[in-house]
Amino acid sequence: GDLRSVLITSVLNLERLEVDLFRCAGRHHWVPATQRLFGGQIVGQALVAAARAVSRDEQVHSLHCYFVRTGDPKVPVLYEVERTRTGKSFSVRSVKAIQHGKPIFTCQASFQLSQASPVQHQFTMPAVPPPEELLTQEELIQKFLQNPNLAERYRKHLTKIQAEDVPIDIKPVNPPDIFSSEPQEPKQLFWVRARGYIGETDMKVHCCVAAYISDYAFLGTALLPHRQYRIKFMVSLDHSMWFHAPFRADHWMLYECESPWAGGCRGLVQGRLWRRDGVLAVTCAQEGVIRVEQTPNQSKL
């Protein structure tokens, strides 16, 4: 079988239609239960398009995006790039994702030529068990499904999640107890990596894959203190990323997520992707709409 990551061979593979016009060439692969396009896929593909419009020596250092319409998984997405500025050290590219003749997403990405500086510092990576000592998300679900007292509707829900073909390996450090509605601190830790092999390549490729990974289960961090409510509607409004150091997206990285605030039917989340050697590779932030039913959930048992 093909050992390469499907994120490279299909999901983030764009077809060039014109100099700065692209179309997603692969299938939409994994589509969430909401039947909307996965936000991480749109961010990743938009960054691919922007990266095609700069020189190989320029590397992305930040991107800022807005999701403006629901993505339709039944049709391709067009990505239109504008070469906003090309400077000596920094270049900016603006990307518009289009479906049905209307923008569904806008993004600005900034690229930089490598520059050395003595001004350097970073936070310290949290101390956590290595990924080899933890269960994958699939193994955890299988463990839950073995509980004979699990309510049927939750059994169906978990079975559906288990069947999803998400191209990411995930190992939660402190998986939440799905049988409890007790509030939890709005923090999550996952070991994450792309499924399959990517290898040594242009760093922009790994950044595009990290953009895809960064949106998975991110906004859910804001719901952990409010687990007694059932979600009616949850969708990303914006997404920002800052890239600090080289990394391999097909190697395990620790994703540290926290939500400092929620209110007004919105939640804010922040995230840090750490390399195994303790280097802070990426910082992320996102705000999303969160609407819940006012009545508490029934017991899952």
Foldseek 3Di string as FASTA:
>chain_A
DAQAFCCVVALQDWDDPDQQKIKRPHALQFDDPVQFRQPLSVQLNLLVSQVSVDDLQWAWFKKKKFFAATHHRVDMKMKGKDFPDDDPFKTKIKIFIDDPRDTRMIMIIMIGHDDDDPDDDDDWDDDADDQVVFDWPLVVLVVVLPPPPFDPVVNVVSVVVNPTDDQKTKTWRDDDDPQDQAADALKTKIWMAGRGDDDDDRLSNQVSLVSSVCRPCQQVSQCRRPSQWAWPDKDWGMKMKGFDDGDHRRDIWMKIKGWPDDDPQKTKMKIWTADPVGHTTMIMITMMGTDTDPGTDDGRD
